Amino acid sequence: MSGSGAVLGADGKARCPWGAGPEDYTEYHDQEWGVPLRGVVELFERITLESFQSGLSWLTILRKREAFRSAFAGFEPEKVAAFDDADRERLLGDAGIVRNRAKIDAAINNARAVLRLDQPLDDLLWSFAPEPRGHHLARFEDVPATTPESTAMAKELKRRGFAFVGPTTCYALMQATGMVDDHLADCWRAESR
């Protein structure tokens, strides 16, 4: 996709290339991606879903999000931290979610890590948000996969006992929750901010 900027959708709006695909992506792009998000439950959900996405299409996770919310007790860290072996087996048998033992164990572990934090999860995560770029990138290929800030976030989360939170996952989280604004310059969302 050399030189790729925004793509014109059927509705006449220019969007980041990935957001002009299936309707699920378009809705997510237009309404959620890049919108600043706060809240412990909300950020625990996002970090968990980003971890489950590792190695998969985000579309897979997006389409299973409601099943994930149900399976993981609305992503309330206190409830997920209390999950036991029976819950693990229930999750491994739930076709509505991604049934990966390591990722399920990481989600439970990460809920416990959230409870051990000395500050709210969202405050910790947002402390790594970089200063705004001051401009939007013009080409899709210029959007980074990691940054020094996402690398620092991953290192700190791992130090605090989190799992499945590498620099790429952390940068995707930063993009999704508005810590960075990676809408392309000619995307209608960049123009609307």
Protein backbone atom coordinates (compact mmCIF):
# COMPACT_ATOMS: atom_id res chain seq x y z
CA MET A 1 0.00 0.00 0.00
CA SER A 2 2.71 2.46 -0.97
CA GLY A 3 1.65 6.04 -0.52
CA SER A 4 -1.62 4.93 1.03
CA GLY A 5 -3.68 7.60 2.65
CA ALA A 6 -7.32 7.48 3.64
CA VAL A 7 -9.78 5.45 1.59
CA LEU A 8 -13.14 6.81 0.49
CA GLY A 9 -16.04 4.79 1.90
CA ALA A 10 -19.41 4.12 0.29
CA ASP A 11 -20.84 6.94 2.42
CA GLY A 12 -18.36 9.42 0.90
CA LYS A 13 -16.23 9.72 4.05
CA ALA A 14 -12.47 9.26 3.83
CA ARG A 15 -11.17 6.84 6.47
CA CYS A 16 -7.93 5.21 7.54
CA PRO A 17 -7.54 2.20 5.19
CA TRP A 18 -8.34 -0.42 7.84
CA GLY A 19 -11.49 1.49 8.86
CA ALA A 20 -12.94 1.44 5.36
CA GLY A 21 -13.31 -2.36 5.35
CA PRO A 22 -16.06 -4.46 6.95
CA GLU A 23 -18.89 -2.59 8.66
CA ASP A 24 -17.65 -3.70 12.11
CA TYR A 25 -14.33 -1.97 11.42
CA THR A 26 -16.00 1.15 10.04
CA GLU A 27 -18.22 1.52 13.10
CA TYR A 28 -15.29 0.91 15.47
CA HIS A 29 -13.08 3.35 13.53
CA ASP A 30 -15.73 6.05 13.44
CA GLN A 31 -17.01 5.78 17.01
CA GLU A 32 -14.28 4.35 19.26
CA TRP A 33 -10.75 4.13 17.89
CA GLY A 34 -8.67 7.05 19.06
CA VAL A 35 -11.32 8.43 21.40
CA PRO A 36 -9.81 9.13 24.84
CA LEU A 37 -10.98 6.43 27.23
CA ARG A 38 -10.67 6.38 31.02
CA GLY A 39 -11.83 4.06 33.76
CA VAL A 40 -10.28 1.00 35.38
CA VAL A 41 -12.86 -1.45 34.01
CA GLU A 42 -12.75 0.14 30.56
CA LEU A 43 -8.95 0.05 30.37
CA PHE A 44 -8.77 -3.46 31.81
CA GLU A 45 -11.18 -4.57 29.08
CA ARG A 46 -9.09 -2.93 26.37
CA ILE A 47 -5.76 -4.27 27.59
CA THR A 48 -7.29 -7.75 27.85
CA LEU A 49 -8.79 -7.63 24.37
CA GLU A 50 -5.56 -6.28 22.89
CA SER A 51 -3.72 -9.17 24.55
CA PHE A 52 -6.17 -11.69 23.10
CA GLN A 53 -5.75 -10.06 19.68
CA SER A 54 -2.03 -10.86 19.61
CA GLY A 55 -1.46 -12.97 16.49
CA LEU A 56 -5.07 -12.62 15.33
CA SER A 57 -7.16 -10.13 13.40
CA TRP A 58 -8.68 -7.34 15.48
CA LEU A 59 -11.90 -8.04 13.57
CA THR A 60 -12.05 -11.48 15.24
CA ILE A 61 -11.82 -9.87 18.67
CA LEU A 62 -14.23 -7.08 17.80
CA ARG A 63 -16.88 -9.57 16.68
CA LYS A 64 -16.43 -11.58 19.88
CA ARG A 65 -16.33 -8.58 22.22
CA GLU A 66 -19.79 -9.08 23.72
CA ALA A 67 -19.02 -12.76 24.37
CA PHE A 68 -15.74 -11.71 26.02
CA ARG A 69 -17.61 -9.23 28.22
CA SER A 70 -20.00 -11.93 29.33
CA ALA A 71 -17.30 -14.57 29.83
CA PHE A 72 -15.05 -12.20 31.78
CA ALA A 73 -17.67 -10.77 34.17
CA GLY A 74 -17.86 -7.40 32.45
CA PHE A 75 -14.08 -7.06 32.88
CA GLU A 76 -14.43 -6.09 36.52
CA PRO A 77 -10.92 -6.81 37.81
CA GLU A 78 -12.13 -7.94 41.25
CA LYS A 79 -14.38 -10.59 39.69
CA VAL A 80 -11.82 -11.79 37.12
CA ALA A 81 -9.09 -11.94 39.78
CA ALA A 82 -11.27 -14.40 41.70
CA PHE A 83 -11.55 -16.82 38.76
CA ASP A 84 -10.43 -20.33 39.64
CA ASP A 85 -9.70 -23.58 37.80
CA ALA A 86 -13.41 -24.14 37.11
CA ASP A 87 -13.58 -20.68 35.49
CA ARG A 88 -10.50 -21.48 33.38
CA GLU A 89 -12.16 -24.65 32.12
CA ARG A 90 -15.40 -22.76 31.46
CA LEU A 91 -13.48 -20.19 29.42
CA LEU A 92 -11.56 -22.87 27.51
CA GLY A 93 -14.91 -24.38 26.54
CA ASP A 94 -16.52 -21.10 25.49
CA ALA A 95 -16.66 -21.00 21.67
CA GLY A 96 -17.76 -17.35 21.85
CA ILE A 97 -14.26 -16.21 22.82
CA VAL A 98 -10.71 -17.02 21.77
CA ARG A 99 -9.89 -20.21 23.64
CA ASN A 100 -6.20 -19.87 24.31
CA ARG A 101 -5.05 -21.12 27.72
CA ALA A 102 -2.04 -18.78 27.92
CA LYS A 103 -4.16 -15.72 27.10
CA ILE A 104 -6.92 -16.77 29.51
CA ASP A 105 -4.35 -17.26 32.26
CA ALA A 106 -2.82 -13.88 31.40
CA ALA A 107 -6.23 -12.17 31.71
CA ILE A 108 -6.78 -13.65 35.17
CA ASN A 109 -3.21 -12.86 36.18
CA ASN A 110 -3.55 -9.30 34.86
CA ALA A 111 -6.76 -8.76 36.86
CA ARG A 112 -4.83 -9.73 39.97
CA ALA A 113 -2.02 -7.38 38.95
CA VAL A 114 -4.57 -4.54 38.58
CA LEU A 115 -5.68 -5.12 42.18
CA ARG A 116 -2.07 -4.90 43.40
CA LEU A 117 -1.44 -1.52 41.74
CA ASP A 118 -0.71 1.48 43.94
CA GLN A 119 -2.67 3.71 41.56
CA PRO A 120 -5.70 3.23 39.30
CA LEU A 121 -4.92 1.28 36.11
CA ASP A 122 -6.07 4.09 33.85
CA ASP A 123 -3.81 6.61 35.60
CA LEU A 124 -0.85 4.25 35.20
CA LEU A 125 -1.53 3.61 31.51
CA TRP A 126 -2.20 7.27 30.68
CA SER A 127 1.07 8.27 32.36
CA PHE A 128 2.80 6.85 29.26
CA ALA A 129 0.77 8.91 26.77
CA PRO A 130 3.19 10.96 24.68
CA GLU A 131 2.80 14.62 23.92
CA PRO A 132 0.54 15.04 20.88
CA ARG A 133 2.43 14.94 17.58
CA GLY A 134 1.00 18.24 16.45
CA HIS A 135 0.14 16.80 13.06
CA HIS A 136 -1.46 13.72 11.56
CA LEU A 137 0.56 11.25 9.56
CA ALA A 138 -0.22 11.20 5.85
CA ARG A 139 0.45 7.56 5.01
CA PHE A 140 -0.66 4.32 6.63
CA GLU A 141 2.87 2.91 6.42
CA ASP A 142 4.17 5.80 8.53
CA VAL A 143 2.09 4.74 11.52
CA PRO A 144 4.48 3.03 13.94
CA ALA A 145 3.93 -0.40 15.49
CA THR A 146 5.81 0.58 18.64
CA THR A 147 7.18 3.75 20.19
CA PRO A 148 9.52 4.49 23.08
CA GLU A 149 6.41 5.18 25.17
CA SER A 150 4.76 1.85 24.34
CA THR A 151 8.04 0.08 25.07
CA ALA A 152 8.25 1.85 28.44
CA MET A 153 4.61 1.00 29.20
CA ALA A 154 5.19 -2.68 28.41
CA LYS A 155 8.31 -2.77 30.57
CA GLU A 156 6.50 -1.19 33.51
CA LEU A 157 3.46 -3.44 33.18
CA LYS A 158 5.69 -6.52 33.09
CA ARG A 159 7.58 -5.22 36.13
CA ARG A 160 4.24 -5.02 37.90
CA GLY A 161 3.36 -8.61 37.00
CA PHE A 162 1.29 -8.21 33.84
CA ALA A 163 1.59 -10.72 30.97
CA PHE A 164 0.92 -10.57 27.19
CA VAL A 165 1.66 -6.84 27.16
CA GLY A 166 4.54 -6.29 24.74
CA PRO A 167 5.37 -2.96 23.10
CA THR A 168 3.19 -3.66 20.03
CA THR A 169 0.18 -4.59 22.17
CA CYS A 170 0.74 -1.50 24.30
CA TYR A 171 0.92 0.74 21.24
CA ALA A 172 -2.31 -0.73 19.86
CA LEU A 173 -3.87 0.01 23.25
CA MET A 174 -2.58 3.58 23.09
CA GLN A 175 -4.10 4.03 19.64
CA ALA A 176 -7.43 2.46 20.57
CA THR A 177 -7.88 4.51 23.74
CA GLY A 178 -6.85 7.90 22.40
CA MET A 179 -3.46 8.14 24.12
CA VAL A 180 -2.16 8.75 20.61
CA ASP A 181 -4.09 9.94 17.58
CA ASP A 182 -3.09 7.92 14.54
CA HIS A 183 -5.99 8.83 12.28
CA LEU A 184 -4.42 9.77 8.96
CA ALA A 185 -4.34 13.41 7.90
CA ASP A 186 -7.02 12.96 5.25
CA CYS A 187 -9.30 10.77 7.42
CA TRP A 188 -12.55 12.47 8.37
CA ARG A 189 -11.91 11.60 12.04
CA ALA A 190 -8.65 13.58 12.02
CA GLU A 191 -10.50 16.51 10.58
CA SER A 192 -13.26 16.26 13.19
CA ARG A 193 -10.92 16.53 16.18
